[in-house]
C-alpha atoms as a PDB file:
ATOM      1  CA  MET A   1     -22.116 -15.091  -3.903  1.00  0.00           C
ATOM      2  CA  SER A   2     -23.139 -11.440  -4.047  1.00  0.00           C
ATOM      3  CA  GLU A   3     -22.088  -9.250  -1.154  1.00  0.00           C
ATOM      4  CA  ALA A   4     -24.784  -6.615  -1.802  1.00  0.00           C
ATOM      5  CA  ALA A   5     -26.601  -5.407   1.288  1.00  0.00           C
ATOM      6  CA  LEU A   6     -29.658  -7.352   2.465  1.00  0.00           C
ATOM      7  CA  ASP A   7     -32.752  -5.964   4.145  1.00  0.00           C
ATOM      8  CA  PRO A   8     -32.105  -6.662   7.876  1.00  0.00           C
ATOM      9  CA  ARG A   9     -35.710  -7.795   8.269  1.00  0.00           C
ATOM     10  CA  ILE A  10     -35.287 -10.453   5.576  1.00  0.00           C
ATOM     11  CA  ALA A  11     -31.939 -11.515   7.032  1.00  0.00           C
ATOM     12  CA  GLN A  12     -33.706 -11.991  10.380  1.00  0.00           C
ATOM     13  CA  GLN A  13     -36.392 -14.113   8.731  1.00  0.00           C
ATOM     14  CA  ALA A  14     -33.760 -16.237   7.001  1.00  0.00           C
ATOM     15  CA  ALA A  15     -32.060 -16.817  10.364  1.00  0.00           C
ATOM     16  CA  GLU A  16     -35.379 -17.880  11.903  1.00  0.00           C
ATOM     17  CA  TRP A  17     -36.090 -20.309   9.060  1.00  0.00           C
ATOM     18  CA  PHE A  18     -32.544 -21.653   9.271  1.00  0.00           C
ATOM     19  CA  LEU A  19     -32.873 -22.476  12.966  1.00  0.00           C
ATOM     20  CA  LEU A  20     -36.267 -24.078  12.471  1.00  0.00           C
ATOM     21  CA  LEU A  21     -35.173 -26.300   9.576  1.00  0.00           C
ATOM     22  CA  GLN A  22     -31.820 -27.093  11.196  1.00  0.00           C
ATOM     23  CA  SER A  23     -33.618 -28.445  14.261  1.00  0.00           C
ATOM     24  CA  GLY A  24     -34.984 -31.436  12.354  1.00  0.00           C
ATOM     25  CA  GLU A  25     -38.419 -30.859  13.904  1.00  0.00           C
ATOM     26  CA  ALA A  26     -40.017 -28.809  11.118  1.00  0.00           C
ATOM     27  CA  SER A  27     -43.438 -30.131  10.098  1.00  0.00           C
ATOM     28  CA  ALA A  28     -44.700 -30.479   6.523  1.00  0.00           C
ATOM     29  CA  ASP A  29     -46.670 -27.260   7.031  1.00  0.00           C
ATOM     30  CA  ASP A  30     -43.526 -25.535   8.281  1.00  0.00           C
ATOM     31  CA  ARG A  31     -41.636 -26.596   5.153  1.00  0.00           C
ATOM     32  CA  ALA A  32     -44.464 -25.493   2.867  1.00  0.00           C
ATOM     33  CA  ALA A  33     -44.537 -22.084   4.572  1.00  0.00           C
ATOM     34  CA  PHE A  34     -40.757 -21.839   4.206  1.00  0.00           C
ATOM     35  CA  GLU A  35     -40.936 -22.561   0.468  1.00  0.00           C
ATOM     36  CA  HIS A  36     -43.679 -19.937   0.076  1.00  0.00           C
ATOM     37  CA  TRP A  37     -41.484 -17.374   1.878  1.00  0.00           C
ATOM     38  CA  ARG A  38     -38.353 -18.324  -0.043  1.00  0.00           C
ATOM     39  CA  ARG A  39     -39.941 -17.994  -3.468  1.00  0.00           C
ATOM     40  CA  GLY A  40     -42.009 -14.912  -2.693  1.00  0.00           C
ATOM     41  CA  ASP A  41     -39.194 -12.378  -3.126  1.00  0.00           C
ATOM     42  CA  PRO A  42     -35.750 -12.539  -4.790  1.00  0.00           C
ATOM     43  CA  GLN A  43     -34.221 -11.063  -1.649  1.00  0.00           C
ATOM     44  CA  CYS A  44     -35.631 -13.953   0.380  1.00  0.00           C
ATOM     45  CA  GLU A  45     -33.971 -16.441  -1.944  1.00  0.00           C
ATOM     46  CA  ARG A  46     -30.688 -14.536  -1.729  1.00  0.00           C
ATOM     47  CA  ALA A  47     -30.938 -14.379   2.073  1.00  0.00           C
ATOM     48  CA  TRP A  48     -31.553 -18.115   2.217  1.00  0.00           C
ATOM     49  CA  GLN A  49     -28.523 -18.819   0.031  1.00  0.00           C
ATOM     50  CA  ARG A  50     -26.451 -16.724   2.413  1.00  0.00           C
ATOM     51  CA  ALA A  51     -27.877 -18.627   5.379  1.00  0.00           C
ATOM     52  CA  GLU A  52     -26.825 -21.897   3.763  1.00  0.00           C
ATOM     53  CA  HIS A  53     -23.398 -20.407   3.084  1.00  0.00           C
ATOM     54  CA  VAL A  54     -23.044 -19.422   6.734  1.00  0.00           C
ATOM     55  CA  GLY A  55     -24.082 -22.937   7.768  1.00  0.00           C
ATOM     56  CA  ALA A  56     -21.496 -24.480   5.464  1.00  0.00           C
ATOM     57  CA  THR A  57     -18.825 -22.101   6.761  1.00  0.00           C
ATOM     58  CA  LEU A  58     -19.503 -22.756  10.420  1.00  0.00           C
ATOM     59  CA  GLY A  59     -20.527 -26.384  10.208  1.00  0.00           C
ATOM     60  CA  ASN A  60     -23.898 -27.701  11.274  1.00  0.00           C
ATOM     61  CA  ILE A  61     -25.428 -25.868  14.213  1.00  0.00           C
ATOM     62  CA  PRO A  62     -26.483 -28.410  16.857  1.00  0.00           C
ATOM     63  CA  ALA A  63     -30.157 -29.367  16.761  1.00  0.00           C
ATOM     64  CA  SER A  64     -30.364 -28.371  20.424  1.00  0.00           C
ATOM     65  CA  VAL A  65     -30.421 -24.734  19.331  1.00  0.00           C
ATOM     66  CA  GLY A  66     -33.026 -25.106  16.586  1.00  0.00           C
ATOM     67  CA  MET A  67     -36.243 -23.096  16.880  1.00  0.00           C
ATOM     68  CA  PRO A  68     -38.364 -25.720  18.719  1.00  0.00           C
ATOM     69  CA  ALA A  69     -35.548 -26.292  21.201  1.00  0.00           C
ATOM     70  CA  LEU A  70     -34.894 -22.572  21.480  1.00  0.00           C
ATOM     71  CA  ARG A  71     -38.493 -22.042  22.527  1.00  0.00           C
ATOM     72  CA  ARG A  72     -37.535 -23.771  25.766  1.00  0.00           C
ATOM     73  CA  ARG A  73     -34.561 -21.449  26.278  1.00  0.00           C
ATOM     74  CA  ARG A  74     -34.624 -17.983  27.746  1.00  0.00           C
ATOM     75  CA  ARG A  75     -36.076 -15.503  25.258  1.00  0.00           C
ATOM     76  CA  SER A  76     -32.931 -13.375  25.538  1.00  0.00           C
ATOM     77  CA  ASP A  77     -30.841 -16.402  24.498  1.00  0.00           C
ATOM     78  CA  ARG A  78     -33.049 -17.054  21.487  1.00  0.00           C
ATOM     79  CA  ARG A  79     -33.081 -13.377  20.608  1.00  0.00           C
ATOM     80  CA  ASP A  80     -29.280 -13.206  20.807  1.00  0.00           C
ATOM     81  CA  ALA A  81     -28.901 -16.359  18.698  1.00  0.00           C
ATOM     82  CA  LEU A  82     -31.267 -15.025  16.046  1.00  0.00           C
ATOM     83  CA  LYS A  83     -29.627 -11.605  16.109  1.00  0.00           C
ATOM     84  CA  THR A  84     -26.170 -13.119  15.660  1.00  0.00           C
ATOM     85  CA  LEU A  85     -27.261 -15.424  12.855  1.00  0.00           C
ATOM     86  CA  ALA A  86     -29.088 -12.569  11.129  1.00  0.00           C
ATOM     87  CA  LEU A  87     -25.887 -10.533  11.280  1.00  0.00           C
ATOM     88  CA  LEU A  88     -23.926 -13.400   9.749  1.00  0.00           C
ATOM     89  CA  VAL A  89     -26.514 -13.811   6.992  1.00  0.00           C
ATOM     90  CA  ALA A  90     -26.301 -10.101   6.217  1.00  0.00           C
ATOM     91  CA  ALA A  91     -22.482 -10.152   6.284  1.00  0.00           C
ATOM     92  CA  PRO A  92     -21.249 -13.713   5.703  1.00  0.00           C
ATOM     93  CA  SER A  93     -17.639 -12.592   5.312  1.00  0.00           C
ATOM     94  CA  ALA A  94     -17.685 -11.764   9.033  1.00  0.00           C
ATOM     95  CA  ALA A  95     -18.992 -15.185  10.034  1.00  0.00           C
ATOM     96  CA  TRP A  96     -15.797 -16.237  11.766  1.00  0.00           C
ATOM     97  CA  LEU A  97     -15.930 -13.128  13.985  1.00  0.00           C
ATOM     98  CA  GLY A  98     -19.296 -13.927  15.537  1.00  0.00           C
ATOM     99  CA  TYR A  99     -19.304 -17.680  15.838  1.00  0.00           C
ATOM    100  CA  ARG A 100     -17.258 -17.857  19.023  1.00  0.00           C
ATOM    101  CA  GLN A 101     -19.707 -15.493  20.704  1.00  0.00           C
ATOM    102  CA  LEU A 102     -22.923 -17.365  19.865  1.00  0.00           C
ATOM    103  CA  PRO A 103     -24.981 -17.590  23.055  1.00  0.00           C
ATOM    104  CA  TRP A 104     -25.690 -21.324  23.045  1.00  0.00           C
ATOM    105  CA  GLN A 105     -22.134 -21.848  24.313  1.00  0.00           C
ATOM    106  CA  SER A 106     -22.914 -20.307  27.730  1.00  0.00           C
ATOM    107  CA  TRP A 107     -26.484 -21.117  28.789  1.00  0.00           C
ATOM    108  CA  ARG A 108     -25.809 -21.502  32.508  1.00  0.00           C
ATOM    109  CA  ALA A 109     -27.049 -19.689  35.599  1.00  0.00           C
ATOM    110  CA  ASP A 110     -27.646 -20.446  39.282  1.00  0.00           C
ATOM    111  CA  TYR A 111     -31.408 -19.912  38.923  1.00  0.00           C
ATOM    112  CA  ARG A 112     -33.448 -19.552  35.747  1.00  0.00           C
ATOM    113  CA  THR A 113     -36.948 -19.772  34.355  1.00  0.00           C
ATOM    114  CA  ASP A 114     -38.193 -20.947  30.982  1.00  0.00           C
ATOM    115  CA  ILE A 115     -40.638 -19.010  28.837  1.00  0.00           C
ATOM    116  CA  GLY A 116     -43.953 -18.712  30.644  1.00  0.00           C
ATOM    117  CA  GLU A 117     -42.488 -19.972  33.934  1.00  0.00           C
ATOM    118  CA  ARG A 118     -42.252 -18.026  37.206  1.00  0.00           C
ATOM    119  CA  ARG A 119     -40.292 -19.021  40.305  1.00  0.00           C
ATOM    120  CA  ASP A 120     -39.705 -17.615  43.763  1.00  0.00           C
ATOM    121  CA  PHE A 121     -37.331 -18.682  46.493  1.00  0.00           C
ATOM    122  CA  ALA A 122     -35.764 -17.532  49.741  1.00  0.00           C
ATOM    123  CA  LEU A 123     -32.157 -16.389  49.818  1.00  0.00           C
ATOM    124  CA  PRO A 124     -29.693 -17.342  52.597  1.00  0.00           C
ATOM    125  CA  ASP A 125     -30.385 -14.120  54.558  1.00  0.00           C
ATOM    126  CA  ALA A 126     -34.223 -14.576  54.407  1.00  0.00           C
ATOM    127  CA  SER A 127     -34.548 -12.080  51.562  1.00  0.00           C
ATOM    128  CA  HIS A 128     -36.872 -13.275  48.804  1.00  0.00           C
ATOM    129  CA  VAL A 129     -36.625 -13.137  45.019  1.00  0.00           C
ATOM    130  CA  TRP A 130     -39.179 -13.794  42.270  1.00  0.00           C
ATOM    131  CA  LEU A 131     -38.057 -14.599  38.717  1.00  0.00           C
ATOM    132  CA  ASN A 132     -40.352 -13.639  35.875  1.00  0.00           C
ATOM    133  CA  THR A 133     -40.577 -15.528  32.594  1.00  0.00           C
ATOM    134  CA  ASP A 134     -37.369 -16.216  30.703  1.00  0.00           C
ATOM    135  CA  SER A 135     -35.022 -14.920  33.436  1.00  0.00           C
ATOM    136  CA  ALA A 136     -31.713 -15.955  34.957  1.00  0.00           C
ATOM    137  CA  ILE A 137     -29.642 -14.868  37.950  1.00  0.00           C
ATOM    138  CA  ASP A 138     -26.450 -15.801  39.755  1.00  0.00           C
ATOM    139  CA  VAL A 139     -26.281 -15.519  43.558  1.00  0.00           C
ATOM    140  CA  ASP A 140     -22.998 -14.502  45.180  1.00  0.00           C
ATOM    141  CA  TYR A 141     -23.111 -13.910  48.934  1.00  0.00           C
ATOM    142  CA  GLY A 142     -19.675 -12.973  50.224  1.00  0.00           C
ATOM    143  CA  GLU A 143     -18.111 -11.330  53.241  1.00  0.00           C
ATOM    144  CA  ARG A 144     -18.596  -7.800  51.935  1.00  0.00           C
ATOM    145  CA  GLU A 145     -21.904  -7.836  50.069  1.00  0.00           C
ATOM    146  CA  ARG A 146     -24.957  -9.846  49.117  1.00  0.00           C
ATOM    147  CA  LEU A 147     -24.927  -9.841  45.326  1.00  0.00           C
ATOM    148  CA  LEU A 148     -27.442 -10.979  42.733  1.00  0.00           C
ATOM    149  CA  HIS A 149     -26.295 -10.790  39.122  1.00  0.00           C
ATOM    150  CA  LEU A 150     -29.238 -10.471  36.738  1.00  0.00           C
ATOM    151  CA  ARG A 151     -28.114 -12.151  33.542  1.00  0.00           C
ATOM    152  CA  SER A 152     -31.432 -11.790  31.709  1.00  0.00           C
ATOM    153  CA  GLY A 153     -35.103 -11.129  32.240  1.00  0.00           C
ATOM    154  CA  GLU A 154     -36.777  -9.621  35.291  1.00  0.00           C
ATOM    155  CA  ILE A 155     -36.800 -10.123  39.051  1.00  0.00           C
ATOM    156  CA  LEU A 156     -38.623  -8.751  42.079  1.00  0.00           C
ATOM    157  CA  VAL A 157     -36.591  -8.597  45.291  1.00  0.00           C
ATOM    158  CA  GLN A 158     -37.860  -8.291  48.869  1.00  0.00           C
ATOM    159  CA  THR A 159     -34.805  -7.637  51.027  1.00  0.00           C
ATOM    160  CA  ALA A 160     -34.355  -8.612  54.663  1.00  0.00           C
ATOM    161  CA  PRO A 161     -31.942  -7.220  57.282  1.00  0.00           C
ATOM    162  CA  ASP A 162     -28.543  -8.871  57.110  1.00  0.00           C
ATOM    163  CA  ARG A 163     -27.956 -11.311  59.955  1.00  0.00           C
ATOM    164  CA  ALA A 164     -24.198 -11.441  59.467  1.00  0.00           C
ATOM    165  CA  ALA A 165     -21.916  -9.994  62.149  1.00  0.00           C
ATOM    166  CA  VAL A 166     -21.021  -7.137  59.820  1.00  0.00           C
ATOM    167  CA  SER A 167     -23.965  -5.875  57.787  1.00  0.00           C
ATOM    168  CA  ARG A 168     -23.447  -6.299  54.044  1.00  0.00           C
ATOM    169  CA  PRO A 169     -25.181  -4.187  51.398  1.00  0.00           C
ATOM    170  CA  PHE A 170     -27.680  -5.956  49.145  1.00  0.00           C
ATOM    171  CA  VAL A 171     -26.846  -5.329  45.484  1.00  0.00           C
ATOM    172  CA  VAL A 172     -28.348  -6.345  42.156  1.00  0.00           C
ATOM    173  CA  ALA A 173     -25.885  -6.047  39.278  1.00  0.00           C
ATOM    174  CA  THR A 174     -26.577  -5.972  35.532  1.00  0.00           C
ATOM    175  CA  ARG A 175     -24.220  -5.225  32.672  1.00  0.00           C
ATOM    176  CA  ASP A 176     -25.341  -1.573  32.963  1.00  0.00           C
ATOM    177  CA  GLY A 177     -24.410  -1.064  36.615  1.00  0.00           C
ATOM    178  CA  ARG A 178     -25.433  -1.757  40.203  1.00  0.00           C
ATOM    179  CA  ILE A 179     -28.595  -1.222  42.250  1.00  0.00           C
ATOM    180  CA  ARG A 180     -28.123  -1.067  46.036  1.00  0.00           C
ATOM    181  CA  ALA A 181     -31.184  -1.773  48.139  1.00  0.00           C
ATOM    182  CA  LEU A 182     -32.019   0.658  50.939  1.00  0.00           C
ATOM    183  CA  GLY A 183     -34.329  -1.642  52.903  1.00  0.00           C
ATOM    184  CA  THR A 184     -36.732  -2.178  50.076  1.00  0.00           C
ATOM    185  CA  ARG A 185     -38.895  -4.096  47.643  1.00  0.00           C
ATOM    186  CA  PHE A 186     -38.081  -3.439  44.003  1.00  0.00           C
ATOM    187  CA  ILE A 187     -38.121  -4.797  40.439  1.00  0.00           C
ATOM    188  CA  VAL A 188     -35.171  -4.960  38.057  1.00  0.00           C
ATOM    189  CA  ARG A 189     -35.562  -5.762  34.359  1.00  0.00           C
ATOM    190  CA  ARG A 190     -32.843  -6.116  31.756  1.00  0.00           C
ATOM    191  CA  HIS A 191     -33.404  -4.872  28.217  1.00  0.00           C
ATOM    192  CA  ASP A 192     -31.126  -5.138  25.208  1.00  0.00           C
ATOM    193  CA  ASP A 193     -29.686  -1.674  25.772  1.00  0.00           C
ATOM    194  CA  ALA A 194     -30.560  -0.664  29.330  1.00  0.00           C
ATOM    195  CA  THR A 195     -31.911  -1.698  32.733  1.00  0.00           C
ATOM    196  CA  THR A 196     -35.231  -0.626  34.255  1.00  0.00           C
ATOM    197  CA  VAL A 197     -35.716  -0.310  38.018  1.00  0.00           C
ATOM    198  CA  THR A 198     -39.125   0.069  39.680  1.00  0.00           C
ATOM    199  CA  VAL A 199     -39.211   0.743  43.424  1.00  0.00           C
ATOM    200  CA  LEU A 200     -42.250  -0.558  45.301  1.00  0.00           C
ATOM    201  CA  GLU A 201     -41.123   0.196  48.881  1.00  0.00           C
ATOM    202  CA  ARG A 202     -38.482   2.492  50.425  1.00  0.00           C
ATOM    203  CA  ALA A 203     -35.634   3.295  47.989  1.00  0.00           C
ATOM    204  CA  VAL A 204     -32.651   2.084  45.992  1.00  0.00           C
ATOM    205  CA  GLU A 205     -29.381   3.668  44.900  1.00  0.00           C
ATOM    206  CA  ILE A 206     -28.453   3.253  41.222  1.00  0.00           C
ATOM    207  CA  ARG A 207     -24.839   3.509  40.115  1.00  0.00           C
ATOM    208  CA  PRO A 208     -24.150   3.106  36.363  1.00  0.00           C
ATOM    209  CA  GLY A 209     -21.081   1.019  35.615  1.00  0.00           C
ATOM    210  CA  GLY A 210     -19.349   3.512  33.356  1.00  0.00           C
ATOM    211  CA  ALA A 211     -20.155   6.805  35.086  1.00  0.00           C
ATOM    212  CA  GLY A 212     -18.914   8.285  38.338  1.00  0.00           C
ATOM    213  CA  MET A 213     -22.379   9.115  39.594  1.00  0.00           C
ATOM    214  CA  SER A 214     -25.285   7.654  41.524  1.00  0.00           C
ATOM    215  CA  ARG A 215     -28.901   8.503  42.252  1.00  0.00           C
ATOM    216  CA  ILE A 216     -31.469   7.443  44.840  1.00  0.00           C
ATOM    217  CA  ILE A 217     -34.862   6.362  43.470  1.00  0.00           C
ATOM    218  CA  GLU A 218     -37.824   6.458  45.843  1.00  0.00           C
ATOM    219  CA  ALA A 219     -40.867   4.192  46.202  1.00  0.00           C
ATOM    220  CA  GLY A 220     -43.596   4.597  43.590  1.00  0.00           C
ATOM    221  CA  THR A 221     -41.196   5.561  40.809  1.00  0.00           C
ATOM    222  CA  SER A 222     -39.364   3.862  37.975  1.00  0.00           C
ATOM    223  CA  THR A 223     -36.321   4.752  35.902  1.00  0.00           C
ATOM    224  CA  ARG A 224     -34.201   3.390  33.111  1.00  0.00           C
ATOM    225  CA  PHE A 225     -30.409   3.516  33.072  1.00  0.00           C
ATOM    226  CA  ASP A 226     -27.460   2.295  31.035  1.00  0.00           C
ATOM    227  CA  ALA A 227     -23.738   2.229  31.702  1.00  0.00           C
ATOM    228  CA  LEU A 228     -23.369   5.984  31.204  1.00  0.00           C
ATOM    229  CA  ALA A 229     -26.538   7.698  32.413  1.00  0.00           C
ATOM    230  CA  ILE A 230     -29.675   7.453  34.550  1.00  0.00           C
ATOM    231  CA  GLY A 231     -32.962   8.573  33.027  1.00  0.00           C
ATOM    232  CA  PRO A 232     -35.584  10.652  34.820  1.00  0.00           C
ATOM    233  CA  ALA A 233     -37.741   9.058  37.511  1.00  0.00           C
ATOM    234  CA  VAL A 234     -41.343   8.570  36.386  1.00  0.00           C
ATOM    235  CA  PRO A 235     -44.404   7.209  38.200  1.00  0.00           C
ATOM    236  CA  ALA A 236     -44.303   3.431  38.425  1.00  0.00           C
ATOM    237  CA  ALA A 237     -46.800   1.519  36.308  1.00  0.00           C
ATOM    238  CA  VAL A 238     -50.005   0.487  38.052  1.00  0.00           C
ATOM    239  CA  GLN A 239     -49.760  -3.131  39.206  1.00  0.00           C
ATOM    240  CA  ALA A 240     -46.081  -3.259  38.251  1.00  0.00           C
ATOM    241  CA  ASP A 241     -45.686  -6.468  40.246  1.00  0.00           C
ATOM    242  CA  ALA A 242     -48.773  -8.182  38.800  1.00  0.00           C
ATOM    243  CA  TRP A 243     -46.549 -10.583  36.869  1.00  0.00           C
ATOM    244  CA  THR A 244     -45.765 -12.362  40.144  1.00  0.00           C
ATOM    245  CA  GLN A 245     -49.405 -13.514  39.976  1.00  0.00           C
ATOM    246  CA  GLY A 246     -49.224 -14.358  36.270  1.00  0.00           C
ATOM    247  CA  VAL A 247     -51.084 -11.256  35.069  1.00  0.00           C
ATOM    248  CA  ILE A 248     -50.364  -8.463  32.571  1.00  0.00           C
ATOM    249  CA  TYR A 249     -52.262  -5.219  33.234  1.00  0.00           C
ATOM    250  CA  ALA A 250     -52.782  -2.890  30.274  1.00  0.00           C
ATOM    251  CA  ASP A 251     -54.350   0.557  30.517  1.00  0.00           C
ATOM    252  CA  GLY A 252     -54.505   2.076  27.050  1.00  0.00           C
ATOM    253  CA  MET A 253     -51.292   0.285  26.041  1.00  0.00           C
ATOM    254  CA  ARG A 254     -50.270   0.384  22.381  1.00  0.00           C
ATOM    255  CA  LEU A 255     -50.915  -2.922  20.687  1.00  0.00           C
ATOM    256  CA  ASP A 256     -47.316  -3.345  19.536  1.00  0.00           C
ATOM    257  CA  ASP A 257     -46.100  -2.774  23.111  1.00  0.00           C
ATOM    258  CA  PHE A 258     -48.694  -5.221  24.422  1.00  0.00           C
ATOM    259  CA  ILE A 259     -47.684  -7.875  21.868  1.00  0.00           C
ATOM    260  CA  ALA A 260     -44.025  -7.401  22.786  1.00  0.00           C
ATOM    261  CA  GLU A 261     -44.907  -7.900  26.460  1.00  0.00           C
ATOM    262  CA  LEU A 262     -47.132 -10.897  25.776  1.00  0.00           C
ATOM    263  CA  GLY A 263     -44.417 -12.384  23.600  1.00  0.00           C
ATOM    264  CA  ARG A 264     -42.175 -12.726  26.642  1.00  0.00           C
ATOM    265  CA  TYR A 265     -44.538 -15.444  27.898  1.00  0.00           C
ATOM    266  CA  ARG A 266     -45.047 -17.243  24.576  1.00  0.00           C
ATOM    267  CA  PRO A 267     -42.738 -19.742  22.822  1.00  0.00           C
ATOM    268  CA  GLY A 268     -41.713 -18.849  19.303  1.00  0.00           C
ATOM    269  CA  VAL A 269     -42.158 -15.590  17.400  1.00  0.00           C
ATOM    270  CA  VAL A 270     -45.097 -13.178  17.743  1.00  0.00           C
ATOM    271  CA  ARG A 271     -45.224 -10.007  15.656  1.00  0.00           C
ATOM    272  CA  CYS A 272     -47.472  -6.955  15.330  1.00  0.00           C
ATOM    273  CA  HIS A 273     -48.160  -5.427  11.912  1.00  0.00           C
ATOM    274  CA  PRO A 274     -47.278  -1.690  11.756  1.00  0.00           C
ATOM    275  CA  ASP A 275     -50.758  -0.817  10.474  1.00  0.00           C
ATOM    276  CA  VAL A 276     -52.372  -1.869  13.773  1.00  0.00           C
ATOM    277  CA  ALA A 277     -49.495  -1.052  16.123  1.00  0.00           C
ATOM    278  CA  ALA A 278     -51.138   2.103  17.526  1.00  0.00           C
ATOM    279  CA  LEU A 279     -54.407   0.436  18.541  1.00  0.00           C
ATOM    280  CA  LYS A 280     -55.016   0.548  22.294  1.00  0.00           C
ATOM    281  CA  VAL A 281     -55.372  -2.404  24.665  1.00  0.00           C
ATOM    282  CA  SER A 282     -56.834  -2.340  28.185  1.00  0.00           C
ATOM    283  CA  GLY A 283     -57.569  -5.087  30.672  1.00  0.00           C
ATOM    284  CA  ALA A 284     -56.043  -7.764  32.877  1.00  0.00           C
ATOM    285  CA  PHE A 285     -54.695 -10.768  31.009  1.00  0.00           C
ATOM    286  CA  GLN A 286     -53.634 -14.147  32.389  1.00  0.00           C
ATOM    287  CA  VAL A 287     -50.394 -15.211  30.741  1.00  0.00           C
ATOM    288  CA  ARG A 288     -50.385 -18.875  31.737  1.00  0.00           C
ATOM    289  CA  ASP A 289     -51.844 -19.589  28.281  1.00  0.00           C
ATOM    290  CA  THR A 290     -51.246 -16.847  25.721  1.00  0.00           C
ATOM    291  CA  GLU A 291     -53.358 -18.341  22.932  1.00  0.00           C
ATOM    292  CA  PRO A 292     -56.708 -17.256  24.475  1.00  0.00           C
ATOM    293  CA  VAL A 293     -55.246 -13.781  24.998  1.00  0.00           C
ATOM    294  CA  LEU A 294     -54.357 -13.508  21.319  1.00  0.00           C
ATOM    295  CA  ARG A 295     -57.816 -14.710  20.311  1.00  0.00           C
ATOM    296  CA  SER A 296     -59.436 -12.157  22.609  1.00  0.00           C
ATOM    297  CA  LEU A 297     -57.691  -9.386  20.682  1.00  0.00           C
ATOM    298  CA  THR A 298     -59.560 -10.380  17.513  1.00  0.00           C
ATOM    299  CA  ARG A 299     -62.863  -9.890  19.348  1.00  0.00           C
ATOM    300  CA  ALA A 300     -61.959  -6.536  20.867  1.00  0.00           C
ATOM    301  CA  LEU A 301     -59.989  -4.967  18.005  1.00  0.00           C
ATOM    302  CA  PRO A 302     -60.087  -4.952  14.181  1.00  0.00           C
ATOM    303  CA  VAL A 303     -57.218  -7.442  13.931  1.00  0.00           C
ATOM    304  CA  SER A 304     -56.670 -11.006  12.773  1.00  0.00           C
ATOM    305  CA  LEU A 305     -54.100 -13.684  13.586  1.00  0.00           C
ATOM    306  CA  VAL A 306     -51.926 -15.031  10.774  1.00  0.00           C
ATOM    307  CA  TYR A 307     -49.905 -18.167  11.540  1.00  0.00           C
ATOM    308  CA  ARG A 308     -46.851 -18.839   9.392  1.00  0.00           C
ATOM    309  CA  THR A 309     -45.982 -21.891  11.498  1.00  0.00           C
ATOM    310  CA  ARG A 310     -47.143 -23.145  14.873  1.00  0.00           C
ATOM    311  CA  TRP A 311     -44.368 -21.061  16.464  1.00  0.00           C
ATOM    312  CA  TRP A 312     -44.744 -17.935  14.334  1.00  0.00           C
ATOM    313  CA  VAL A 313     -47.872 -15.742  14.530  1.00  0.00           C
ATOM    314  CA  SER A 314     -48.518 -12.207  13.346  1.00  0.00           C
ATOM    315  CA  VAL A 315     -51.250  -9.830  14.544  1.00  0.00           C
ATOM    316  CA  GLU A 316     -52.457  -8.096  11.391  1.00  0.00           C
ATOM    317  CA  PRO A 317     -55.316  -5.874  10.206  1.00  0.00           C
ATOM    318  CA  GLY A 318     -58.647  -7.711  10.469  1.00  0.00           C
END
């Protein structure tokens, strides 16, 4: 098998098709679309052969992680699985390096939401937390601190005074660092490469995990940080907490950014064609059912919807 480099985009598509077909739930239309993709470009055929090689090397991937099943998992889990498989397709000789790290081996958390689901609950100290779509947290209240570990997704926290004999700081931790609440209401969202914090009331202190520094962020502002640095504070988005009511607010948002946001609430894959990415979207959109939202875009903008399978839709020029 040739070891020549593959287009990462095609490797990603091969990984997506592999998971769908491996699941055993692919429809006749799904299989017809796969054959059309496979035979449409020599690179697609080569990517598929590599995907089959990876499957033979690793053994069959359980059907529980196929695309239809993955649609019920956290989007970050699915994204990590697809990313890992795409890497293995692009570099099959490294397959044994990545297999032990595939994310389906550790899908556990104290509290989690599926795609499109929102939950809220009271914590032991009467603080309150809301989980957005596709999110997961662990709760660890000890003698010295009240800790939430955000494993994926997005949460809104409303803190309450500690009723313990010795007051414990309230902390949200991500892989990028720690956010200490200063009597506040705030949002924390994990991205692939950073964490975003939006403060709605009072303030928080951010301390990146790999830097000996910290910064206080005040109400009405938002910032992004990673393990080494904290970005500048910028005005918080209008209606930043609207997702707790199942709404996305867009005010002149780029279409590709809007599709990426909407995709968090939708099972499967949703893409935006580069030729329409810069179109602007405004309005308030209910995300309980994303299909009407997608259809509304075709009435407001010069775009069309192209479905490769029932779980794979692309927003393209109209």
